[in-house]
Each structure stands twice: as C-alpha cells, then as structure tokens.
Amino acid sequence: MIARAVATLGGAGLVRPAPGTWGSLAALPLAWVAMQGGAVLFTVLTVLALPLGYWATSQVTAGRDDHDPSEVVIDELLGQWIALMPVAWGAAAAGVGVEKLWPGWVAAFVFFRLFDVWKPGPVGWMDRRTDAWGVMLDDAVAGGMAAICVLALAALAHL
C-alpha cells in the first residue's frame, strides 16, 4: 500500500526503539538529496510534504482508535525538513554546499527532536488534536521552533 510506505517513510517508522527518532534520521539523507536542487526546490518539497503526509496519515489511521500510531513518521520528515530550512537557505546565500553547514544539520536534528518529544506550548496544542492534521501539525510547529533555534545559533556563530 502506497499510503503505508509514505506514512512509514519506506519502513523507517517500523524500526524500534524510538521510531520517531529513526524517522527523523531517515529524513536527513532525503533532505540532502532534495537540497541538491536548491533552496527553492527544497522549500517546495517541504510544503508538499504537508498534504502528502496528511493524506498518508489519514489513510493509514482510518478506522483505527489510535490516530497517531508510532510507525507513522512522515510527520517527522515534515518537521525535520522545516527545521533544516535555514540550512538550505543559508547555504544558498553563502554559495556553498549544504554539507558545509553541518553544525546547522546537527542543531536542526537535536532541536527538532527536543521540541517533538517535549511538546512545549503550541506543539502540545497541535498534538492534542485527534486527527491527521494534529499528527502533521505538531511536528510542523516543532520544526518551526527548531528552525528559529538554528537561525539563532547561526547568528551567534557569525557575530
């Protein structure tokens, strides 16, 4: 089933323990590939991950009591890619390969996982939704918060 493959990121969400962390890790090389087309393409693909993830999540969870099963990790891809947005645009602005901004990759991963697990404020509000939008949006917000942290660290590093 295509929806299950998308929702689990090709099975990354089936890896135990901590499928969310495995999903976030799986999102990193996929992000690198997507970034090879430039920051604009990466941004477009990130935006498209939201409706794709919503579709896959709603298909996989239809008729189930659990609206957010742990194997669904397409939301981690969305959040991780949002967290990596400053890396893509920073590399484009500097005219360097995205791998040169490796500290940003590390920061994006750590902060996204922190906010996704901790669920502060608006992340928790989205997580309390009991539908596929809640599954996707809590990670989108966590990714946005992580992106702000990546930007702040980059600014501090370049003072």
Protein backbone atom coordinates (compact mmCIF):
# COMPACT_ATOMS: atom_id res chain seq x y z
CA MET A 1 0.00 0.00 0.00
CA ILE A 2 1.44 3.34 -1.09
CA ALA A 3 -0.04 5.29 1.84
CA ARG A 4 1.66 2.97 4.34
CA ALA A 5 5.01 3.27 2.56
CA VAL A 6 4.72 7.06 2.61
CA ALA A 7 3.48 7.20 6.22
CA THR A 8 6.33 4.99 7.48
CA LEU A 9 8.98 6.59 5.23
CA GLY A 10 9.60 3.32 3.50
CA GLY A 11 9.62 1.38 6.75
CA ALA A 12 11.77 3.70 8.89
CA GLY A 13 8.83 4.04 11.26
CA LEU A 14 8.86 0.30 11.87
CA VAL A 15 12.34 0.40 13.43
CA ARG A 16 12.36 0.07 17.20
CA PRO A 17 13.01 1.58 19.66
CA ALA A 18 12.17 5.25 19.11
CA PRO A 19 10.56 5.19 15.65
CA GLY A 20 10.21 8.99 15.68
CA THR A 21 13.95 9.37 16.03
CA TRP A 22 14.53 6.83 13.24
CA GLY A 23 12.07 8.73 11.07
CA SER A 24 13.90 11.98 11.75
CA LEU A 25 17.21 10.31 10.91
CA ALA A 26 15.75 8.90 7.68
CA ALA A 27 14.60 12.41 6.76
CA LEU A 28 18.19 13.72 6.79
CA PRO A 29 19.61 11.99 3.69
CA LEU A 30 16.32 12.60 1.90
CA ALA A 31 16.70 16.30 2.75
CA TRP A 32 20.25 16.31 1.42
CA VAL A 33 19.04 14.84 -1.87
CA ALA A 34 16.18 17.34 -2.07
CA MET A 35 18.56 20.23 -1.31
CA GLN A 36 20.71 19.35 -4.31
CA GLY A 37 18.02 21.05 -6.40
CA GLY A 38 18.47 24.27 -4.44
CA ALA A 39 16.69 26.04 -1.61
CA VAL A 40 13.58 26.85 -3.67
CA LEU A 41 13.02 23.21 -4.66
CA PHE A 42 13.65 22.10 -1.07
CA THR A 43 11.08 24.62 0.16
CA VAL A 44 8.50 23.47 -2.41
CA LEU A 45 9.06 19.82 -1.48
CA THR A 46 8.77 20.68 2.22
CA VAL A 47 5.46 22.44 1.62
CA LEU A 48 4.22 19.45 -0.42
CA ALA A 49 5.14 17.09 2.43
CA LEU A 50 2.22 18.50 4.45
CA PRO A 51 -0.65 17.46 2.15
CA LEU A 52 1.15 14.23 1.24
CA GLY A 53 1.65 13.40 4.91
CA TYR A 54 -1.92 14.31 5.76
CA TRP A 55 -3.20 12.01 3.01
CA ALA A 56 -0.95 9.10 4.02
CA THR A 57 -1.70 9.51 7.72
CA SER A 58 -5.45 9.74 7.21
CA GLN A 59 -5.37 6.62 5.02
CA VAL A 60 -3.29 4.58 7.48
CA THR A 61 -5.29 5.63 10.55
CA ALA A 62 -8.78 5.32 9.01
CA GLY A 63 -10.95 3.16 11.23
CA ARG A 64 -8.31 2.87 13.97
CA ASP A 65 -8.63 4.06 17.54
CA ASP A 66 -5.01 5.28 17.53
CA HIS A 67 -4.95 8.48 15.48
CA ASP A 68 -1.13 8.79 15.82
CA PRO A 69 0.47 5.32 15.65
CA SER A 70 4.21 5.32 16.30
CA GLU A 71 5.04 3.83 12.90
CA VAL A 72 3.69 6.93 11.14
CA VAL A 73 6.79 9.10 10.73
CA ILE A 74 6.04 11.18 7.64
CA ASP A 75 5.32 13.94 10.16
CA GLU A 76 8.92 13.67 11.36
CA LEU A 77 10.10 14.26 7.80
CA LEU A 78 7.98 17.41 7.60
CA GLY A 79 9.20 18.75 10.94
CA GLN A 80 12.83 17.84 10.29
CA TRP A 81 12.75 19.49 6.88
CA ILE A 82 11.22 22.67 8.32
CA ALA A 83 14.00 22.67 10.94
CA LEU A 84 16.55 22.36 8.11
CA MET A 85 15.13 25.28 6.12
CA PRO A 86 17.74 27.76 7.48
CA VAL A 87 20.49 25.38 6.39
CA ALA A 88 19.17 25.20 2.83
CA TRP A 89 18.74 28.95 2.53
CA GLY A 90 21.97 29.71 4.39
CA ALA A 91 23.97 27.50 2.04
CA ALA A 92 22.28 29.10 -0.97
CA ALA A 93 23.05 32.60 0.33
CA ALA A 94 26.68 31.68 1.01
CA GLY A 95 27.07 29.84 -2.29
CA VAL A 96 28.32 26.68 -0.59
CA GLY A 97 27.19 23.09 -0.46
CA VAL A 98 24.70 22.30 2.28
CA GLU A 99 27.13 19.84 3.87
CA LYS A 100 29.41 22.79 4.72
CA LEU A 101 26.77 23.92 7.19
CA TRP A 102 26.95 20.64 9.13
CA PRO A 103 26.57 22.32 12.55
CA GLY A 104 23.15 23.51 11.37
CA TRP A 105 22.20 19.93 10.48
CA VAL A 106 23.14 18.77 13.97
CA ALA A 107 21.30 21.66 15.63
CA ALA A 108 18.20 21.11 13.47
CA PHE A 109 18.09 17.43 14.39
CA VAL A 110 18.65 17.98 18.13
CA PHE A 111 16.22 20.87 18.49
CA PHE A 112 13.52 19.22 16.40
CA ARG A 113 13.71 16.01 18.44
CA LEU A 114 13.71 18.04 21.68
CA PHE A 115 10.58 20.00 20.75
CA ASP A 116 8.86 16.96 19.24
CA VAL A 117 9.34 14.91 22.40
CA TRP A 118 8.88 17.73 24.95
CA LYS A 119 5.86 19.27 23.12
CA PRO A 120 6.02 22.77 24.62
CA GLY A 121 3.12 25.20 24.15
CA PRO A 122 1.83 25.22 20.58
CA VAL A 123 3.41 21.84 19.78
CA GLY A 124 1.32 20.27 22.53
CA TRP A 125 -1.78 22.15 21.43
CA MET A 126 -1.48 20.67 17.94
CA ASP A 127 -0.64 17.23 19.34
CA ARG A 128 -3.89 17.17 21.31
CA ARG A 129 -5.89 17.21 18.08
CA THR A 130 -7.22 13.73 17.41
CA ASP A 131 -6.95 13.73 13.64
CA ALA A 132 -4.36 13.50 10.87
CA TRP A 133 -3.91 17.29 10.95
CA GLY A 134 -2.80 17.03 14.57
CA VAL A 135 -0.28 14.33 13.63
CA MET A 136 1.24 16.57 10.98
CA LEU A 137 0.91 19.98 12.58
CA ASP A 138 2.58 19.25 15.92
CA ASP A 139 5.73 18.28 14.03
CA ALA A 140 5.42 21.27 11.71
CA VAL A 141 5.31 23.58 14.74
CA ALA A 142 8.19 21.71 16.42
CA GLY A 143 10.14 22.09 13.18
CA GLY A 144 9.40 25.80 13.09
CA MET A 145 10.61 26.22 16.65
CA ALA A 146 13.75 24.24 15.84
CA ALA A 147 14.34 26.40 12.74
CA ILE A 148 14.22 29.52 14.92
CA CYS A 149 16.84 27.95 17.20
CA VAL A 150 19.03 27.07 14.19
CA LEU A 151 18.78 30.66 12.98
CA ALA A 152 19.65 31.99 16.45
CA LEU A 153 22.69 29.72 16.72
CA ALA A 154 23.84 30.71 13.23
CA ALA A 155 23.50 34.38 14.15
CA LEU A 156 25.53 33.82 17.33
CA ALA A 157 28.18 31.91 15.40
CA HIS A 158 28.58 34.77 12.94
CA LEU A 159 28.85 37.67 15.38
